[in-house]
Amino acid sequence: MYNHYYPNMVALNQKPLVQNSMPYRIDPMIMEHCMNKISRVRLLNGDTFRYFATVLSGNSVAGYKEDPFTKFWNFYAMDLNEIASVSC
């Protein structure tokens, strides 16, 4: 994994309104709505993190995942089948 910090890309204190957002079972149309927005992603294995999706291709998505401890944004790609829900 590459470790990148993009201070001008998104504000670190900006949080999506998870309590007002409806979680969805993921399909490409839902993820397309969340492109270039900070989203809260929950994987099937239980991991939850903030994600900034930049590329959607076929059945996968690529973008930047926030490390909650360092506040760095790391490049992260995943298959849409790994996602349990997303709020954006």
PDB file of N, CA and C in Angstrom:
ATOM      1  N   MET A   1       0.824  -1.186   0.000  1.00  0.00           N
ATOM      2  CA  MET A   1       0.000   0.000   0.000  1.00  0.00           C
ATOM      3  C   MET A   1       0.868   1.249   0.000  1.00  0.00           C
ATOM      4  N   TYR A   2       0.385   2.253  -0.667  1.00  0.00           N
ATOM      5  CA  TYR A   2       1.072   3.529  -0.688  1.00  0.00           C
ATOM      6  C   TYR A   2       0.464   4.432   0.367  1.00  0.00           C
ATOM      7  N   ASN A   3       1.293   5.196   1.007  1.00  0.00           N
ATOM      8  CA  ASN A   3       0.824   6.081   2.057  1.00  0.00           C
ATOM      9  C   ASN A   3       0.861   7.509   1.531  1.00  0.00           C
ATOM     10  N   HIS A   4      -0.291   8.107   1.331  1.00  0.00           N
ATOM     11  CA  HIS A   4      -0.386   9.454   0.778  1.00  0.00           C
ATOM     12  C   HIS A   4      -1.164  10.337   1.741  1.00  0.00           C
ATOM     13  N   TYR A   5      -0.824  11.593   1.718  1.00  0.00           N
ATOM     14  CA  TYR A   5      -1.579  12.556   2.503  1.00  0.00           C
ATOM     15  C   TYR A   5      -2.027  13.657   1.570  1.00  0.00           C
ATOM     16  N   TYR A   6      -3.326  13.891   1.502  1.00  0.00           N
ATOM     17  CA  TYR A   6      -3.896  14.878   0.605  1.00  0.00           C
ATOM     18  C   TYR A   6      -4.656  15.911   1.415  1.00  0.00           C
ATOM     19  N   PRO A   7      -3.962  16.916   1.951  1.00  0.00           N
ATOM     20  CA  PRO A   7      -4.661  17.879   2.813  1.00  0.00           C
ATOM     21  C   PRO A   7      -5.675  18.730   2.074  1.00  0.00           C
ATOM     22  N   ASN A   8      -5.496  18.940   0.778  1.00  0.00           N
ATOM     23  CA  ASN A   8      -6.426  19.794   0.039  1.00  0.00           C
ATOM     24  C   ASN A   8      -7.553  19.008  -0.616  1.00  0.00           C
ATOM     25  N   MET A   9      -7.480  17.678  -0.584  1.00  0.00           N
ATOM     26  CA  MET A   9      -8.494  16.877  -1.257  1.00  0.00           C
ATOM     27  C   MET A   9      -9.807  16.892  -0.483  1.00  0.00           C
ATOM     28  N   VAL A  10      -9.756  16.609   0.800  1.00  0.00           N
ATOM     29  CA  VAL A  10     -10.956  16.593   1.630  1.00  0.00           C
ATOM     30  C   VAL A  10     -10.600  17.120   3.014  1.00  0.00           C
ATOM     31  N   ALA A  11     -11.554  17.693   3.654  1.00  0.00           N
ATOM     32  CA  ALA A  11     -11.340  18.156   5.024  1.00  0.00           C
ATOM     33  C   ALA A  11     -11.431  16.957   5.960  1.00  0.00           C
ATOM     34  N   LEU A  12     -10.446  16.798   6.832  1.00  0.00           N
ATOM     35  CA  LEU A  12     -10.434  15.638   7.721  1.00  0.00           C
ATOM     36  C   LEU A  12     -11.545  15.688   8.747  1.00  0.00           C
ATOM     37  N   ASN A  13     -12.016  16.888   9.083  1.00  0.00           N
ATOM     38  CA  ASN A  13     -13.088  16.973  10.069  1.00  0.00           C
ATOM     39  C   ASN A  13     -14.473  16.837   9.437  1.00  0.00           C
ATOM     40  N   GLN A  14     -14.544  16.717   8.123  1.00  0.00           N
ATOM     41  CA  GLN A  14     -15.826  16.540   7.440  1.00  0.00           C
ATOM     42  C   GLN A  14     -16.256  15.082   7.586  1.00  0.00           C
ATOM     43  N   LYS A  15     -17.418  14.842   8.157  1.00  0.00           N
ATOM     44  CA  LYS A  15     -17.918  13.495   8.357  1.00  0.00           C
ATOM     45  C   LYS A  15     -19.268  13.356   7.673  1.00  0.00           C
ATOM     46  N   PRO A  16     -19.496  12.217   7.004  1.00  0.00           N
ATOM     47  CA  PRO A  16     -20.813  12.011   6.403  1.00  0.00           C
ATOM     48  C   PRO A  16     -21.862  11.828   7.489  1.00  0.00           C
ATOM     49  N   LEU A  17     -23.080  12.190   7.184  1.00  0.00           N
ATOM     50  CA  LEU A  17     -24.170  12.062   8.151  1.00  0.00           C
ATOM     51  C   LEU A  17     -24.697  10.638   8.119  1.00  0.00           C
ATOM     52  N   VAL A  18     -24.013   9.758   8.813  1.00  0.00           N
ATOM     53  CA  VAL A  18     -24.361   8.345   8.780  1.00  0.00           C
ATOM     54  C   VAL A  18     -25.738   8.107   9.381  1.00  0.00           C
ATOM     55  N   GLN A  19     -26.080   8.818  10.441  1.00  0.00           N
ATOM     56  CA  GLN A  19     -27.370   8.585  11.078  1.00  0.00           C
ATOM     57  C   GLN A  19     -28.538   8.973  10.175  1.00  0.00           C
ATOM     58  N   ASN A  20     -28.327   9.884   9.210  1.00  0.00           N
ATOM     59  CA  ASN A  20     -29.394  10.295   8.297  1.00  0.00           C
ATOM     60  C   ASN A  20     -29.309   9.603   6.944  1.00  0.00           C
ATOM     61  N   SER A  21     -28.292   8.788   6.748  1.00  0.00           N
ATOM     62  CA  SER A  21     -28.106   8.115   5.474  1.00  0.00           C
ATOM     63  C   SER A  21     -28.615   6.692   5.569  1.00  0.00           C
ATOM     64  N   MET A  22     -29.138   6.215   4.487  1.00  0.00           N
ATOM     65  CA  MET A  22     -29.658   4.864   4.472  1.00  0.00           C
ATOM     66  C   MET A  22     -28.588   3.907   3.960  1.00  0.00           C
ATOM     67  N   PRO A  23     -28.265   2.844   4.696  1.00  0.00           N
ATOM     68  CA  PRO A  23     -27.285   1.879   4.199  1.00  0.00           C
ATOM     69  C   PRO A  23     -27.871   1.061   3.056  1.00  0.00           C
ATOM     70  N   TYR A  24     -27.058   0.747   2.085  1.00  0.00           N
ATOM     71  CA  TYR A  24     -27.491   0.023   0.896  1.00  0.00           C
ATOM     72  C   TYR A  24     -26.663  -1.238   0.721  1.00  0.00           C
ATOM     73  N   ARG A  25     -27.258  -2.269   0.176  1.00  0.00           N
ATOM     74  CA  ARG A  25     -26.504  -3.407  -0.325  1.00  0.00           C
ATOM     75  C   ARG A  25     -25.904  -2.920  -1.636  1.00  0.00           C
ATOM     76  N   ILE A  26     -24.648  -3.156  -1.856  1.00  0.00           N
ATOM     77  CA  ILE A  26     -23.928  -2.479  -2.921  1.00  0.00           C
ATOM     78  C   ILE A  26     -24.175  -3.076  -4.295  1.00  0.00           C
ATOM     79  N   ASP A  27     -24.474  -2.225  -5.242  1.00  0.00           N
ATOM     80  CA  ASP A  27     -24.422  -2.526  -6.659  1.00  0.00           C
ATOM     81  C   ASP A  27     -23.740  -1.333  -7.315  1.00  0.00           C
ATOM     82  N   PRO A  28     -23.294  -1.460  -8.559  1.00  0.00           N
ATOM     83  CA  PRO A  28     -22.547  -0.361  -9.186  1.00  0.00           C
ATOM     84  C   PRO A  28     -23.298   0.968  -9.238  1.00  0.00           C
ATOM     85  N   MET A  29     -24.606   0.954  -9.367  1.00  0.00           N
ATOM     86  CA  MET A  29     -25.360   2.206  -9.435  1.00  0.00           C
ATOM     87  C   MET A  29     -25.307   2.964  -8.114  1.00  0.00           C
ATOM     88  N   ILE A  30     -25.352   2.258  -6.991  1.00  0.00           N
ATOM     89  CA  ILE A  30     -25.255   2.905  -5.684  1.00  0.00           C
ATOM     90  C   ILE A  30     -23.875   3.495  -5.488  1.00  0.00           C
ATOM     91  N   MET A  31     -22.850   2.732  -5.844  1.00  0.00           N
ATOM     92  CA  MET A  31     -21.484   3.229  -5.660  1.00  0.00           C
ATOM     93  C   MET A  31     -21.210   4.405  -6.581  1.00  0.00           C
ATOM     94  N   GLU A  32     -21.833   4.436  -7.746  1.00  0.00           N
ATOM     95  CA  GLU A  32     -21.659   5.567  -8.660  1.00  0.00           C
ATOM     96  C   GLU A  32     -22.174   6.858  -8.020  1.00  0.00           C
ATOM     97  N   HIS A  33     -23.228   6.759  -7.220  1.00  0.00           N
ATOM     98  CA  HIS A  33     -23.772   7.923  -6.521  1.00  0.00           C
ATOM     99  C   HIS A  33     -22.784   8.459  -5.476  1.00  0.00           C
ATOM    100  N   CYS A  34     -21.938   7.587  -4.951  1.00  0.00           N
ATOM    101  CA  CYS A  34     -20.988   7.974  -3.894  1.00  0.00           C
ATOM    102  C   CYS A  34     -19.617   8.380  -4.431  1.00  0.00           C
ATOM    103  N   MET A  35     -19.447   8.441  -5.725  1.00  0.00           N
ATOM    104  CA  MET A  35     -18.148   8.794  -6.293  1.00  0.00           C
ATOM    105  C   MET A  35     -17.776  10.231  -5.939  1.00  0.00           C
ATOM    106  N   ASN A  36     -16.494  10.429  -5.606  1.00  0.00           N
ATOM    107  CA  ASN A  36     -15.930  11.739  -5.273  1.00  0.00           C
ATOM    108  C   ASN A  36     -16.627  12.408  -4.085  1.00  0.00           C
ATOM    109  N   LYS A  37     -17.093  11.587  -3.162  1.00  0.00           N
ATOM    110  CA  LYS A  37     -17.679  12.060  -1.911  1.00  0.00           C
ATOM    111  C   LYS A  37     -17.076  11.243  -0.773  1.00  0.00           C
ATOM    112  N   ILE A  38     -17.011  11.832   0.406  1.00  0.00           N
ATOM    113  CA  ILE A  38     -16.584  11.054   1.566  1.00  0.00           C
ATOM    114  C   ILE A  38     -17.745  10.174   1.983  1.00  0.00           C
ATOM    115  N   SER A  39     -17.480   8.882   2.101  1.00  0.00           N
ATOM    116  CA  SER A  39     -18.514   7.911   2.432  1.00  0.00           C
ATOM    117  C   SER A  39     -18.083   7.094   3.632  1.00  0.00           C
ATOM    118  N   ARG A  40     -19.046   6.533   4.319  1.00  0.00           N
ATOM    119  CA  ARG A  40     -18.777   5.588   5.399  1.00  0.00           C
ATOM    120  C   ARG A  40     -19.057   4.207   4.822  1.00  0.00           C
ATOM    121  N   VAL A  41     -18.034   3.334   4.813  1.00  0.00           N
ATOM    122  CA  VAL A  41     -18.145   2.000   4.220  1.00  0.00           C
ATOM    123  C   VAL A  41     -18.038   0.955   5.327  1.00  0.00           C
ATOM    124  N   ARG A  42     -18.902  -0.046   5.250  1.00  0.00           N
ATOM    125  CA  ARG A  42     -18.810  -1.198   6.155  1.00  0.00           C
ATOM    126  C   ARG A  42     -18.648  -2.437   5.299  1.00  0.00           C
ATOM    127  N   LEU A  43     -17.578  -3.193   5.568  1.00  0.00           N
ATOM    128  CA  LEU A  43     -17.303  -4.418   4.816  1.00  0.00           C
ATOM    129  C   LEU A  43     -18.011  -5.606   5.453  1.00  0.00           C
ATOM    130  N   LEU A  44     -18.098  -6.693   4.725  1.00  0.00           N
ATOM    131  CA  LEU A  44     -18.737  -7.898   5.240  1.00  0.00           C
ATOM    132  C   LEU A  44     -17.992  -8.468   6.441  1.00  0.00           C
ATOM    133  N   ASN A  45     -16.671  -8.196   6.547  1.00  0.00           N
ATOM    134  CA  ASN A  45     -15.900  -8.701   7.686  1.00  0.00           C
ATOM    135  C   ASN A  45     -16.057  -7.817   8.931  1.00  0.00           C
ATOM    136  N   GLY A  46     -16.858  -6.748   8.842  1.00  0.00           N
ATOM    137  CA  GLY A  46     -17.132  -5.897   9.985  1.00  0.00           C
ATOM    138  C   GLY A  46     -16.327  -4.615  10.048  1.00  0.00           C
ATOM    139  N   ASP A  47     -15.288  -4.477   9.231  1.00  0.00           N
ATOM    140  CA  ASP A  47     -14.499  -3.249   9.220  1.00  0.00           C
ATOM    141  C   ASP A  47     -15.346  -2.075   8.741  1.00  0.00           C
ATOM    142  N   THR A  48     -15.201  -0.933   9.399  1.00  0.00           N
ATOM    143  CA  THR A  48     -15.895   0.293   9.019  1.00  0.00           C
ATOM    144  C   THR A  48     -14.864   1.399   8.906  1.00  0.00           C
ATOM    145  N   PHE A  49     -14.946   2.208   7.833  1.00  0.00           N
ATOM    146  CA  PHE A  49     -13.976   3.266   7.622  1.00  0.00           C
ATOM    147  C   PHE A  49     -14.547   4.320   6.690  1.00  0.00           C
ATOM    148  N   ARG A  50     -13.885   5.486   6.681  1.00  0.00           N
ATOM    149  CA  ARG A  50     -14.237   6.550   5.742  1.00  0.00           C
ATOM    150  C   ARG A  50     -13.503   6.292   4.442  1.00  0.00           C
ATOM    151  N   TYR A  51     -14.194   6.508   3.316  1.00  0.00           N
ATOM    152  CA  TYR A  51     -13.651   6.166   2.005  1.00  0.00           C
ATOM    153  C   TYR A  51     -14.005   7.266   1.014  1.00  0.00           C
ATOM    154  N   PHE A  52     -13.045   7.603   0.161  1.00  0.00           N
ATOM    155  CA  PHE A  52     -13.244   8.588  -0.896  1.00  0.00           C
ATOM    156  C   PHE A  52     -13.047   7.871  -2.222  1.00  0.00           C
ATOM    157  N   ALA A  53     -14.136   7.431  -2.851  1.00  0.00           N
ATOM    158  CA  ALA A  53     -14.074   6.639  -4.080  1.00  0.00           C
ATOM    159  C   ALA A  53     -13.771   7.535  -5.275  1.00  0.00           C
ATOM    160  N   THR A  54     -12.825   7.109  -6.112  1.00  0.00           N
ATOM    161  CA  THR A  54     -12.451   7.892  -7.287  1.00  0.00           C
ATOM    162  C   THR A  54     -12.637   7.141  -8.602  1.00  0.00           C
ATOM    163  N   VAL A  55     -12.559   5.810  -8.584  1.00  0.00           N
ATOM    164  CA  VAL A  55     -12.654   5.017  -9.819  1.00  0.00           C
ATOM    165  C   VAL A  55     -13.601   3.852  -9.584  1.00  0.00           C
ATOM    166  N   LEU A  56     -14.549   3.679 -10.499  1.00  0.00           N
ATOM    167  CA  LEU A  56     -15.470   2.546 -10.460  1.00  0.00           C
ATOM    168  C   LEU A  56     -15.343   1.817 -11.780  1.00  0.00           C
ATOM    169  N   SER A  57     -14.957   0.546 -11.736  1.00  0.00           N
ATOM    170  CA  SER A  57     -14.822  -0.206 -12.980  1.00  0.00           C
ATOM    171  C   SER A  57     -15.351  -1.618 -12.776  1.00  0.00           C
ATOM    172  N   GLY A  58     -16.351  -1.953 -13.535  1.00  0.00           N
ATOM    173  CA  GLY A  58     -16.929  -3.289 -13.441  1.00  0.00           C
ATOM    174  C   GLY A  58     -17.480  -3.571 -12.062  1.00  0.00           C
ATOM    175  N   ASN A  59     -16.869  -4.532 -11.389  1.00  0.00           N
ATOM    176  CA  ASN A  59     -17.325  -4.945 -10.067  1.00  0.00           C
ATOM    177  C   ASN A  59     -16.341  -4.549  -8.974  1.00  0.00           C
ATOM    178  N   SER A  60     -15.540  -3.496  -9.210  1.00  0.00           N
ATOM    179  CA  SER A  60     -14.580  -3.058  -8.204  1.00  0.00           C
ATOM    180  C   SER A  60     -14.571  -1.533  -8.122  1.00  0.00           C
ATOM    181  N   VAL A  61     -14.053  -1.041  -7.007  1.00  0.00           N
ATOM    182  CA  VAL A  61     -13.970   0.391  -6.777  1.00  0.00           C
ATOM    183  C   VAL A  61     -12.591   0.683  -6.196  1.00  0.00           C
ATOM    184  N   ALA A  62     -12.032   1.824  -6.566  1.00  0.00           N
ATOM    185  CA  ALA A  62     -10.733   2.245  -6.046  1.00  0.00           C
ATOM    186  C   ALA A  62     -10.857   3.674  -5.549  1.00  0.00           C
ATOM    187  N   GLY A  63     -10.062   3.987  -4.552  1.00  0.00           N
ATOM    188  CA  GLY A  63     -10.086   5.326  -3.984  1.00  0.00           C
ATOM    189  C   GLY A  63      -9.151   5.393  -2.797  1.00  0.00           C
ATOM    190  N   TYR A  64      -9.515   6.198  -1.816  1.00  0.00           N
ATOM    191  CA  TYR A  64      -8.658   6.426  -0.667  1.00  0.00           C
ATOM    192  C   TYR A  64      -9.408   6.123   0.617  1.00  0.00           C
ATOM    193  N   LYS A  65      -8.760   5.343   1.473  1.00  0.00           N
ATOM    194  CA  LYS A  65      -9.301   4.930   2.768  1.00  0.00           C
ATOM    195  C   LYS A  65      -8.564   5.697   3.848  1.00  0.00           C
ATOM    196  N   GLU A  66      -9.305   6.286   4.778  1.00  0.00           N
ATOM    197  CA  GLU A  66      -8.670   7.047   5.838  1.00  0.00           C
ATOM    198  C   GLU A  66      -8.188   6.126   6.947  1.00  0.00           C
ATOM    199  N   ASP A  67      -6.936   6.307   7.354  1.00  0.00           N
ATOM    200  CA  ASP A  67      -6.403   5.609   8.517  1.00  0.00           C
ATOM    201  C   ASP A  67      -6.866   6.392   9.741  1.00  0.00           C
ATOM    202  N   PRO A  68      -7.648   5.789  10.637  1.00  0.00           N
ATOM    203  CA  PRO A  68      -8.214   6.554  11.758  1.00  0.00           C
ATOM    204  C   PRO A  68      -7.177   7.028  12.775  1.00  0.00           C
ATOM    205  N   PHE A  69      -6.002   6.423  12.798  1.00  0.00           N
ATOM    206  CA  PHE A  69      -4.991   6.797  13.782  1.00  0.00           C
ATOM    207  C   PHE A  69      -4.081   7.905  13.280  1.00  0.00           C
ATOM    208  N   THR A  70      -3.638   7.805  12.018  1.00  0.00           N
ATOM    209  CA  THR A  70      -2.696   8.795  11.471  1.00  0.00           C
ATOM    210  C   THR A  70      -3.388   9.893  10.685  1.00  0.00           C
ATOM    211  N   LYS A  71      -4.651   9.682  10.312  1.00  0.00           N
ATOM    212  CA  LYS A  71      -5.426  10.606   9.475  1.00  0.00           C
ATOM    213  C   LYS A  71      -4.849  10.723   8.064  1.00  0.00           C
ATOM    214  N   PHE A  72      -4.025   9.749   7.651  1.00  0.00           N
ATOM    215  CA  PHE A  72      -3.534   9.694   6.275  1.00  0.00           C
ATOM    216  C   PHE A  72      -4.579   8.998   5.418  1.00  0.00           C
ATOM    217  N   TRP A  73      -4.610   9.354   4.148  1.00  0.00           N
ATOM    218  CA  TRP A  73      -5.489   8.712   3.188  1.00  0.00           C
ATOM    219  C   TRP A  73      -4.634   7.762   2.353  1.00  0.00           C
ATOM    220  N   ASN A  74      -4.899   6.450   2.451  1.00  0.00           N
ATOM    221  CA  ASN A  74      -4.147   5.426   1.742  1.00  0.00           C
ATOM    222  C   ASN A  74      -4.961   4.928   0.564  1.00  0.00           C
ATOM    223  N   PHE A  75      -4.267   4.695  -0.571  1.00  0.00           N
ATOM    224  CA  PHE A  75      -4.952   4.125  -1.729  1.00  0.00           C
ATOM    225  C   PHE A  75      -5.481   2.746  -1.357  1.00  0.00           C
ATOM    226  N   TYR A  76      -6.732   2.464  -1.735  1.00  0.00           N
ATOM    227  CA  TYR A  76      -7.351   1.196  -1.376  1.00  0.00           C
ATOM    228  C   TYR A  76      -8.366   0.825  -2.454  1.00  0.00           C
ATOM    229  N   ALA A  77      -8.233  -0.373  -2.992  1.00  0.00           N
ATOM    230  CA  ALA A  77      -9.174  -0.885  -3.990  1.00  0.00           C
ATOM    231  C   ALA A  77      -9.854  -2.123  -3.416  1.00  0.00           C
ATOM    232  N   MET A  78     -11.113  -2.298  -3.761  1.00  0.00           N
ATOM    233  CA  MET A  78     -11.845  -3.453  -3.246  1.00  0.00           C
ATOM    234  C   MET A  78     -12.908  -3.879  -4.245  1.00  0.00           C
ATOM    235  N   ASP A  79     -13.333  -5.113  -4.100  1.00  0.00           N
ATOM    236  CA  ASP A  79     -14.400  -5.670  -4.898  1.00  0.00           C
ATOM    237  C   ASP A  79     -15.733  -5.237  -4.289  1.00  0.00           C
ATOM    238  N   LEU A  80     -16.715  -4.937  -5.103  1.00  0.00           N
ATOM    239  CA  LEU A  80     -18.018  -4.513  -4.584  1.00  0.00           C
ATOM    240  C   LEU A  80     -18.691  -5.601  -3.754  1.00  0.00           C
ATOM    241  N   ASN A  81     -18.335  -6.865  -4.001  1.00  0.00           N
ATOM    242  CA  ASN A  81     -18.913  -7.966  -3.226  1.00  0.00           C
ATOM    243  C   ASN A  81     -18.418  -7.986  -1.786  1.00  0.00           C
ATOM    244  N   GLU A  82     -17.324  -7.257  -1.478  1.00  0.00           N
ATOM    245  CA  GLU A  82     -16.803  -7.212  -0.119  1.00  0.00           C
ATOM    246  C   GLU A  82     -17.550  -6.184   0.746  1.00  0.00           C
ATOM    247  N   ILE A  83     -18.334  -5.306   0.127  1.00  0.00           N
ATOM    248  CA  ILE A  83     -18.984  -4.212   0.844  1.00  0.00           C
ATOM    249  C   ILE A  83     -20.367  -4.655   1.324  1.00  0.00           C
ATOM    250  N   ALA A  84     -20.607  -4.455   2.621  1.00  0.00           N
ATOM    251  CA  ALA A  84     -21.928  -4.767   3.184  1.00  0.00           C
ATOM    252  C   ALA A  84     -22.872  -3.573   3.026  1.00  0.00           C
ATOM    253  N   SER A  85     -22.374  -2.356   3.299  1.00  0.00           N
ATOM    254  CA  SER A  85     -23.206  -1.165   3.158  1.00  0.00           C
ATOM    255  C   SER A  85     -22.325   0.065   2.976  1.00  0.00           C
ATOM    256  N   VAL A  86     -22.930   1.115   2.453  1.00  0.00           N
ATOM    257  CA  VAL A  86     -22.238   2.394   2.271  1.00  0.00           C
ATOM    258  C   VAL A  86     -23.218   3.516   2.541  1.00  0.00           C
ATOM    259  N   SER A  87     -22.723   4.564   3.174  1.00  0.00           N
ATOM    260  CA  SER A  87     -23.518   5.767   3.405  1.00  0.00           C
ATOM    261  C   SER A  87     -22.736   6.940   2.856  1.00  0.00           C
ATOM    262  N   CYS A  88     -23.376   7.724   2.002  1.00  0.00           N
ATOM    263  CA  CYS A  88     -22.666   8.875   1.425  1.00  0.00           C
ATOM    264  C   CYS A  88     -23.579  10.086   1.362  1.00  0.00           C
TER     265      CYS A  88
END
